[in-house]
Amino acid sequence: MNPNTQRLQAVGQSLWLDNISREILADGTLARYIRDLSVTGLTSNPTIFEKAIGEGTFYDEAIAALARQGLAGERLFFALALQDLQQAADLLRPIHDATAGVDGWVSLELSPLLADDTQASIEAARRLHAQAQRPNLFIKIPGTPAGVAAIEQSIFAGVPINVTLLFSREHYLAAAEAYLRGIERRIAAGLDPRVESVASLFVSRWDVAVKEQLAPQFHNRLGIAIAMRTYKAYRDLLASPRWQRLAAAGAHPQRLLWASTGTKDPAAPDTLYIEAFAAPDTIDTIPDKTLQAFADHGKVGALMPADGGDAEAVLAQLRSQGIDDQALAQRLQREGAEAFSRSWTALLARIDEKRASLAGADAR
């Protein structure tokens, strides 16, 4: 086991791979990450699947077989995605069982086109989780206003949820409130309060968005400050009497997850965010390249302070430079949803092209 990734695991942080493809399943890469690099989960999104399915021929045989069954469009994609995620979930199942359901998860995102449709999101989350037939599969729902309502209802219905596209403390608190309400409703109804959830805070996009507006000494500081103030809110919530009552009833915390942690700035260390986000009771999702970099030369220093450290001072400095973090959080969430929608459209178009091409080859 790699000593660098082991150190993160030792402080109580889970490392999840921010990637999935049929290739890393077939060639043993994911199994090796689990065995050697302390990886205990993974996430997926439309952009990841667009890249995986669009490149090479790994999916061609499955696309042709599913097309012959009459599947096309979204139905064909979800069938493909679930084949990959079921296999990954099975690899991670021993971790899931050993941690009583806290770790060992994979994630499947709903269609981004449902981001503003609460009822359709609720129905799709229930249907896809049932279709997966894996207890360690999260359904990803964005933390948009419509998504927050879907999160509460899905948690109440017993569907494990990964809340995605959170960009601020306020976004996180809205997602946490939805989770708490869902669990409270389950307890009031006499249902098991153990429905797992994670809340995914996107980080590096903050620094990309403001780089051109700031002097070099302020580069790559905003994302970390936002994460630190959100971590304080998380620790405060876990210490609150409201949460303590739910924990006493048997509920597990909705863990805070650091997303978008690959360094985008070539002038910054490639392990910048991983080292800054070492914190107990959290998850760090890491792209392959960043995982390998941290395994090679990453360091675990001081842990993220539970009191927020200097986050508010840094944010005050950045506001003095003209950064409106509240407005930017809303913009980043909207742009993130739009980017996933574009990837979704491109993904379905690529699958349709492959399906038609493979059908033509079969006909010849």
Protein backbone atom coordinates (compact mmCIF):
# COMPACT_ATOMS: atom_id res chain seq x y z
CA MET A 1 0.00 0.00 0.00
CA ASN A 2 1.32 3.45 -0.93
CA PRO A 3 2.48 5.34 2.20
CA ASN A 4 1.30 8.75 0.97
CA THR A 5 -2.27 7.68 0.30
CA GLN A 6 -2.23 5.61 3.49
CA ARG A 7 -1.49 8.76 5.49
CA LEU A 8 -4.65 10.41 4.18
CA GLN A 9 -6.63 7.30 5.02
CA ALA A 10 -5.10 7.33 8.51
CA VAL A 11 -6.44 10.82 9.25
CA GLY A 12 -9.97 9.64 8.43
CA GLN A 13 -10.29 10.78 4.82
CA SER A 14 -11.55 8.52 2.02
CA LEU A 15 -9.95 8.67 -1.43
CA TRP A 16 -12.32 8.14 -4.33
CA LEU A 17 -11.38 8.00 -7.98
CA ASP A 18 -12.94 10.71 -10.14
CA ASN A 19 -13.20 8.43 -13.15
CA ILE A 20 -14.83 5.29 -14.56
CA SER A 21 -14.36 3.49 -17.85
CA ARG A 22 -14.62 -0.03 -19.18
CA GLU A 23 -10.90 0.09 -19.90
CA ILE A 24 -9.78 0.60 -16.27
CA LEU A 25 -12.13 -2.19 -15.24
CA ALA A 26 -10.88 -4.58 -17.92
CA ASP A 27 -7.16 -3.98 -17.50
CA GLY A 28 -7.19 -4.14 -13.69
CA THR A 29 -6.35 -0.46 -13.11
CA LEU A 30 -9.25 0.13 -10.74
CA ALA A 31 -8.49 -3.06 -8.81
CA ARG A 32 -4.87 -1.91 -8.49
CA TYR A 33 -5.93 1.53 -7.25
CA ILE A 34 -8.05 -0.16 -4.60
CA ARG A 35 -5.29 -2.55 -3.60
CA ASP A 36 -2.27 -0.22 -3.77
CA LEU A 37 -3.45 3.41 -3.56
CA SER A 38 -6.13 3.31 -0.82
CA VAL A 39 -8.99 4.05 -3.24
CA THR A 40 -12.29 3.21 -1.54
CA GLY A 41 -14.89 4.58 -3.98
CA LEU A 42 -15.42 6.37 -7.27
CA THR A 43 -17.64 8.94 -8.94
CA SER A 44 -18.89 9.40 -12.48
CA ASN A 45 -20.59 12.18 -14.41
CA PRO A 46 -21.71 12.81 -18.01
CA THR A 47 -18.35 14.32 -18.97
CA ILE A 48 -16.47 11.25 -17.71
CA PHE A 49 -18.76 8.89 -19.62
CA GLU A 50 -18.64 11.04 -22.75
CA LYS A 51 -14.86 10.64 -22.78
CA ALA A 52 -14.94 6.93 -21.90
CA ILE A 53 -17.54 5.92 -24.47
CA GLY A 54 -16.45 8.30 -27.21
CA GLU A 55 -12.85 7.10 -27.32
CA GLY A 56 -11.83 3.72 -28.68
CA THR A 57 -13.91 0.59 -29.13
CA PHE A 58 -14.33 -0.72 -25.58
CA TYR A 59 -18.10 -0.11 -25.65
CA ASP A 60 -18.86 -1.11 -29.23
CA GLU A 61 -19.85 -4.71 -28.55
CA ALA A 62 -22.16 -3.70 -25.68
CA ILE A 63 -23.72 -0.86 -27.69
CA ALA A 64 -24.48 -3.25 -30.57
CA ALA A 65 -25.97 -5.85 -28.21
CA LEU A 66 -28.15 -3.31 -26.40
CA ALA A 67 -29.27 -1.78 -29.69
CA ARG A 68 -30.39 -5.22 -30.87
CA GLN A 69 -32.57 -5.34 -27.74
CA GLY A 70 -34.26 -2.16 -28.94
CA LEU A 71 -32.48 0.29 -26.63
CA ALA A 72 -31.47 3.77 -27.77
CA GLY A 73 -30.77 7.22 -26.31
CA GLU A 74 -30.89 7.58 -22.53
CA ARG A 75 -32.04 4.01 -21.96
CA LEU A 76 -29.05 2.64 -23.84
CA PHE A 77 -26.65 4.95 -22.01
CA PHE A 78 -27.91 4.04 -18.55
CA ALA A 79 -27.70 0.35 -19.42
CA LEU A 80 -24.05 0.86 -20.45
CA ALA A 81 -23.22 2.99 -17.41
CA LEU A 82 -24.78 0.52 -15.02
CA GLN A 83 -22.75 -2.33 -16.50
CA ASP A 84 -19.58 -0.42 -15.57
CA LEU A 85 -20.81 0.81 -12.21
CA GLN A 86 -22.16 -2.57 -11.14
CA GLN A 87 -18.75 -4.10 -11.80
CA ALA A 88 -17.02 -1.28 -9.90
CA ALA A 89 -19.54 -1.59 -7.05
CA ASP A 90 -18.77 -5.28 -6.77
CA LEU A 91 -15.02 -4.54 -6.53
CA LEU A 92 -15.75 -2.07 -3.73
CA ARG A 93 -18.37 -4.18 -1.95
CA PRO A 94 -15.93 -5.64 0.63
CA ILE A 95 -15.06 -2.08 1.72
CA HIS A 96 -18.72 -1.17 1.84
CA ASP A 97 -19.51 -4.15 4.06
CA ALA A 98 -16.47 -3.64 6.31
CA THR A 99 -17.43 0.00 6.97
CA ALA A 100 -21.13 -0.73 7.60
CA GLY A 101 -22.10 1.17 4.47
CA VAL A 102 -20.09 4.33 5.12
CA ASP A 103 -17.54 3.76 2.34
CA GLY A 104 -17.10 1.67 -0.81
CA TRP A 105 -19.49 3.64 -3.03
CA VAL A 106 -19.91 4.36 -6.74
CA SER A 107 -22.09 7.16 -8.15
CA LEU A 108 -24.42 7.52 -11.12
CA GLU A 109 -25.63 10.95 -12.21
CA LEU A 110 -29.19 11.64 -13.27
CA SER A 111 -29.76 13.21 -16.66
CA PRO A 112 -28.61 16.86 -16.32
CA LEU A 113 -31.77 17.82 -18.22
CA LEU A 114 -33.70 17.08 -15.00
CA ALA A 115 -31.81 19.66 -12.92
CA ASP A 116 -34.86 21.95 -12.66
CA ASP A 117 -37.52 19.23 -12.47
CA THR A 118 -38.07 18.01 -8.90
CA GLN A 119 -40.65 15.31 -9.54
CA ALA A 120 -38.89 13.82 -12.55
CA SER A 121 -35.64 13.73 -10.55
CA ILE A 122 -37.33 11.88 -7.69
CA GLU A 123 -38.81 9.31 -10.04
CA ALA A 124 -35.57 8.83 -12.01
CA ALA A 125 -33.51 8.45 -8.82
CA ARG A 126 -35.83 5.73 -7.52
CA ARG A 127 -35.95 3.91 -10.85
CA LEU A 128 -32.19 3.96 -11.51
CA HIS A 129 -31.25 2.89 -8.00
CA ALA A 130 -33.65 -0.04 -8.23
CA GLN A 131 -32.32 -0.92 -11.70
CA ALA A 132 -28.72 -0.95 -10.42
CA GLN A 133 -29.45 -3.61 -7.80
CA ARG A 134 -26.39 -2.58 -5.81
CA PRO A 135 -26.62 -1.26 -2.23
CA ASN A 136 -23.41 0.76 -2.69
CA LEU A 137 -24.53 2.92 -5.61
CA PHE A 138 -25.31 6.58 -5.03
CA ILE A 139 -27.61 8.54 -7.32
CA LYS A 140 -26.22 12.00 -8.01
CA ILE A 141 -28.67 14.90 -7.81
CA PRO A 142 -27.46 18.50 -8.23
CA GLY A 143 -27.90 20.92 -5.33
CA THR A 144 -30.04 23.30 -7.38
CA PRO A 145 -33.26 24.60 -5.79
CA ALA A 146 -35.28 21.89 -7.60
CA GLY A 147 -32.62 19.33 -6.74
CA VAL A 148 -32.71 20.14 -3.02
CA ALA A 149 -36.41 19.25 -2.87
CA ALA A 150 -35.69 16.00 -4.76
CA ILE A 151 -32.88 15.16 -2.34
CA GLU A 152 -35.14 15.35 0.71
CA GLN A 153 -37.81 13.18 -0.86
CA SER A 154 -35.27 10.67 -2.20
CA ILE A 155 -33.61 10.30 1.21
CA PHE A 156 -37.03 9.80 2.78
CA ALA A 157 -37.69 7.10 0.18
CA GLY A 158 -34.44 5.36 1.15
CA VAL A 159 -32.41 6.20 -1.98
CA PRO A 160 -28.73 6.98 -1.23
CA ILE A 161 -27.81 10.37 -2.69
CA ASN A 162 -24.60 12.08 -3.75
CA VAL A 163 -25.46 15.79 -3.87
CA THR A 164 -23.44 17.31 -6.69
CA LEU A 165 -22.66 20.80 -8.03
CA LEU A 166 -22.30 22.50 -4.65
CA PHE A 167 -20.08 25.58 -4.79
CA SER A 168 -20.45 27.37 -1.46
CA ARG A 169 -21.15 27.00 2.24
CA GLU A 170 -24.71 28.08 1.57
CA HIS A 171 -25.16 25.45 -1.15
CA TYR A 172 -23.78 22.83 1.26
CA LEU A 173 -26.08 23.90 4.09
CA ALA A 174 -29.13 23.67 1.81
CA ALA A 175 -28.12 20.12 0.85
CA ALA A 176 -27.46 19.21 4.49
CA GLU A 177 -30.85 20.57 5.53
CA ALA A 178 -32.55 18.44 2.87
CA TYR A 179 -30.71 15.37 4.15
CA LEU A 180 -31.61 16.11 7.77
CA ARG A 181 -35.28 16.62 6.92
CA GLY A 182 -35.37 13.37 4.97
CA ILE A 183 -33.87 11.44 7.90
CA GLU A 184 -36.15 13.15 10.44
CA ARG A 185 -39.16 12.18 8.36
CA ARG A 186 -37.95 8.57 8.23
CA ILE A 187 -37.59 8.45 12.01
CA ALA A 188 -41.07 9.97 12.45
CA ALA A 189 -42.44 7.28 10.11
CA GLY A 190 -40.70 4.48 12.01
CA LEU A 191 -38.22 3.78 9.18
CA ASP A 192 -34.51 2.95 9.39
CA PRO A 193 -32.58 6.25 9.64
CA ARG A 194 -29.48 4.83 7.93
CA VAL A 195 -29.67 6.23 4.41
CA GLU A 196 -26.23 7.28 3.25
CA SER A 197 -25.43 10.54 1.51
CA VAL A 198 -22.47 12.72 0.58
CA ALA A 199 -22.38 16.44 -0.27
CA SER A 200 -19.92 17.28 -3.07
CA LEU A 201 -18.27 20.73 -2.97
CA PHE A 202 -16.59 21.69 -6.26
CA VAL A 203 -13.34 23.54 -5.66
CA SER A 204 -10.88 24.20 -8.48
CA ARG A 205 -13.45 25.90 -10.70
CA TRP A 206 -13.43 28.84 -8.27
CA ASP A 207 -9.77 29.55 -8.95
CA VAL A 208 -10.12 29.10 -12.70
CA ALA A 209 -13.02 31.58 -12.73
CA VAL A 210 -11.14 34.42 -10.99
CA LYS A 211 -7.55 33.91 -12.15
CA GLU A 212 -7.61 36.72 -14.71
CA GLN A 213 -9.11 39.16 -12.18
CA LEU A 214 -6.51 38.68 -9.46
CA ALA A 215 -2.85 39.53 -8.96
CA PRO A 216 -0.59 36.45 -8.84
CA GLN A 217 -0.29 36.49 -5.04
CA PHE A 218 -4.03 35.79 -4.82
CA HIS A 219 -4.11 32.91 -7.31
CA ASN A 220 -5.37 29.51 -6.11
CA ARG A 221 -6.54 30.84 -2.73
CA LEU A 222 -10.27 31.27 -3.29
CA GLY A 223 -11.18 27.59 -3.70
CA ILE A 224 -9.31 26.61 -0.55
CA ALA A 225 -10.93 29.43 1.45
CA ILE A 226 -14.40 28.38 0.29
CA ALA A 227 -13.62 24.78 1.26
CA MET A 228 -12.36 25.81 4.70
CA ARG A 229 -15.45 27.87 5.55
CA THR A 230 -17.64 24.99 4.32
CA TYR A 231 -15.71 22.50 6.45
CA LYS A 232 -16.37 24.69 9.50
CA ALA A 233 -20.10 24.61 8.72
CA TYR A 234 -19.88 20.81 8.41
CA ARG A 235 -18.12 20.39 11.75
CA ASP A 236 -20.57 22.80 13.41
CA LEU A 237 -23.49 20.77 12.07
CA LEU A 238 -22.05 17.48 13.34
CA ALA A 239 -21.67 19.05 16.79
CA SER A 240 -25.24 20.43 16.84
CA PRO A 241 -27.94 19.03 19.15
CA ARG A 242 -30.12 18.40 16.10
CA TRP A 243 -27.57 16.09 14.53
CA GLN A 244 -26.70 14.43 17.82
CA ARG A 245 -30.34 13.39 18.21
CA LEU A 246 -30.32 11.80 14.75
CA ALA A 247 -26.99 10.08 15.40
CA ALA A 248 -28.36 8.66 18.66
CA ALA A 249 -31.25 7.20 16.63
CA GLY A 250 -28.73 5.41 14.37
CA ALA A 251 -28.29 7.84 11.45
CA HIS A 252 -24.93 8.20 9.70
CA PRO A 253 -23.61 11.66 8.81
CA GLN A 254 -23.88 13.03 5.30
CA ARG A 255 -20.14 13.24 4.61
CA LEU A 256 -18.56 16.26 2.97
CA LEU A 257 -16.83 15.43 -0.33
CA TRP A 258 -14.19 17.54 -2.07
CA ALA A 259 -14.83 17.48 -5.83
CA SER A 260 -12.94 19.02 -8.75
CA THR A 261 -9.59 18.66 -6.97
CA GLY A 262 -7.25 18.36 -9.94
CA THR A 263 -4.95 21.38 -10.17
CA LYS A 264 -5.86 23.44 -13.23
CA ASP A 265 -3.07 26.05 -12.92
CA PRO A 266 0.22 24.75 -14.42
CA ALA A 267 2.11 27.16 -12.15
CA ALA A 268 0.67 25.55 -9.00
CA PRO A 269 1.71 22.25 -7.37
CA ASP A 270 -0.13 19.29 -8.90
CA THR A 271 -1.13 18.11 -5.40
CA LEU A 272 -2.23 21.56 -4.19
CA TYR A 273 -5.84 20.77 -3.30
CA ILE A 274 -5.24 17.24 -2.04
CA GLU A 275 -2.72 18.50 0.50
CA ALA A 276 -4.91 21.45 1.53
CA PHE A 277 -8.01 19.30 2.04
CA ALA A 278 -6.66 16.64 4.40
CA ALA A 279 -9.47 16.46 6.96
CA PRO A 280 -11.19 13.77 9.05
CA ASP A 281 -14.64 12.52 8.09
CA THR A 282 -14.37 13.78 4.50
CA ILE A 283 -13.91 12.30 1.03
CA ASP A 284 -11.53 13.51 -1.67
CA THR A 285 -12.36 12.58 -5.26
CA ILE A 286 -9.21 12.55 -7.35
CA PRO A 287 -8.57 12.26 -11.11
CA ASP A 288 -6.13 9.51 -12.11
CA LYS A 289 -3.30 11.94 -12.84
CA THR A 290 -3.64 13.69 -9.48
CA LEU A 291 -3.93 10.40 -7.60
CA GLN A 292 -0.70 9.18 -9.18
CA ALA A 293 1.03 12.49 -8.43
CA PHE A 294 0.01 12.38 -4.77
CA ALA A 295 1.11 8.76 -4.49
CA ASP A 296 4.49 9.77 -5.92
CA HIS A 297 5.26 12.97 -3.99
CA GLY A 298 2.25 14.16 -2.00
CA LYS A 299 2.57 15.22 1.62
CA VAL A 300 0.13 15.30 4.53
CA GLY A 301 0.86 18.27 6.76
CA ALA A 302 -1.48 20.19 9.02
CA LEU A 303 -5.10 19.08 8.84
CA MET A 304 -7.83 21.46 7.75
CA PRO A 305 -8.87 23.46 10.84
CA ALA A 306 -12.35 22.75 12.13
CA ASP A 307 -12.81 26.44 13.00
CA GLY A 308 -12.32 27.62 9.42
CA GLY A 309 -8.78 28.90 9.96
CA ASP A 310 -8.08 32.07 7.99
CA ALA A 311 -10.87 31.50 5.45
CA GLU A 312 -12.86 34.60 6.33
CA ALA A 313 -9.76 36.82 6.26
CA VAL A 314 -8.79 35.47 2.84
CA LEU A 315 -12.31 35.96 1.52
CA ALA A 316 -12.32 39.55 2.83
CA GLN A 317 -9.05 40.18 0.97
CA LEU A 318 -10.45 38.76 -2.23
CA ARG A 319 -13.65 40.79 -1.92
CA SER A 320 -11.47 43.88 -1.67
CA GLN A 321 -10.07 42.84 -5.05
CA GLY A 322 -13.58 42.87 -6.53
CA ILE A 323 -14.59 39.22 -6.09
CA ASP A 324 -18.28 38.68 -5.25
CA ASP A 325 -18.17 35.11 -3.96
CA GLN A 326 -21.93 34.79 -3.44
CA ALA A 327 -22.76 35.83 -7.00
CA LEU A 328 -19.91 33.69 -8.32
CA ALA A 329 -21.20 30.61 -6.48
CA GLN A 330 -24.54 30.92 -8.26
CA ARG A 331 -22.83 31.45 -11.59
CA LEU A 332 -20.56 28.45 -11.13
CA GLN A 333 -23.46 26.19 -10.23
CA ARG A 334 -25.40 27.33 -13.29
CA GLU A 335 -22.37 26.94 -15.56
CA GLY A 336 -21.61 23.52 -14.08
CA ALA A 337 -25.15 22.34 -14.84
CA GLU A 338 -24.89 23.74 -18.36
CA ALA A 339 -21.54 22.02 -18.94
CA PHE A 340 -22.96 18.66 -17.85
CA SER A 341 -25.96 19.24 -20.14
CA ARG A 342 -23.63 19.85 -23.08
CA SER A 343 -21.66 16.71 -22.25
CA TRP A 344 -24.94 14.79 -21.95
CA THR A 345 -26.09 15.92 -25.39
CA ALA A 346 -22.70 15.08 -26.91
CA LEU A 347 -22.66 11.71 -25.14
CA LEU A 348 -26.07 10.68 -26.46
CA ALA A 349 -25.13 11.86 -29.95
CA ARG A 350 -21.92 9.84 -29.85
CA ILE A 351 -23.76 6.72 -28.68
CA ASP A 352 -26.32 7.18 -31.45
CA GLU A 353 -23.56 7.52 -34.04
CA LYS A 354 -21.90 4.36 -32.78
CA ARG A 355 -25.21 2.50 -32.68
CA ALA A 356 -25.96 3.43 -36.31
CA SER A 357 -22.43 2.64 -37.44
CA LEU A 358 -22.41 -0.75 -35.72
CA ALA A 359 -25.86 -1.60 -37.09
CA GLY A 360 -24.60 -0.78 -40.57
CA ALA A 361 -21.58 -3.01 -40.08
CA ASP A 362 -23.84 -5.86 -38.91
CA ALA A 363 -26.03 -5.42 -42.01
CA ARG A 364 -22.99 -5.80 -44.27
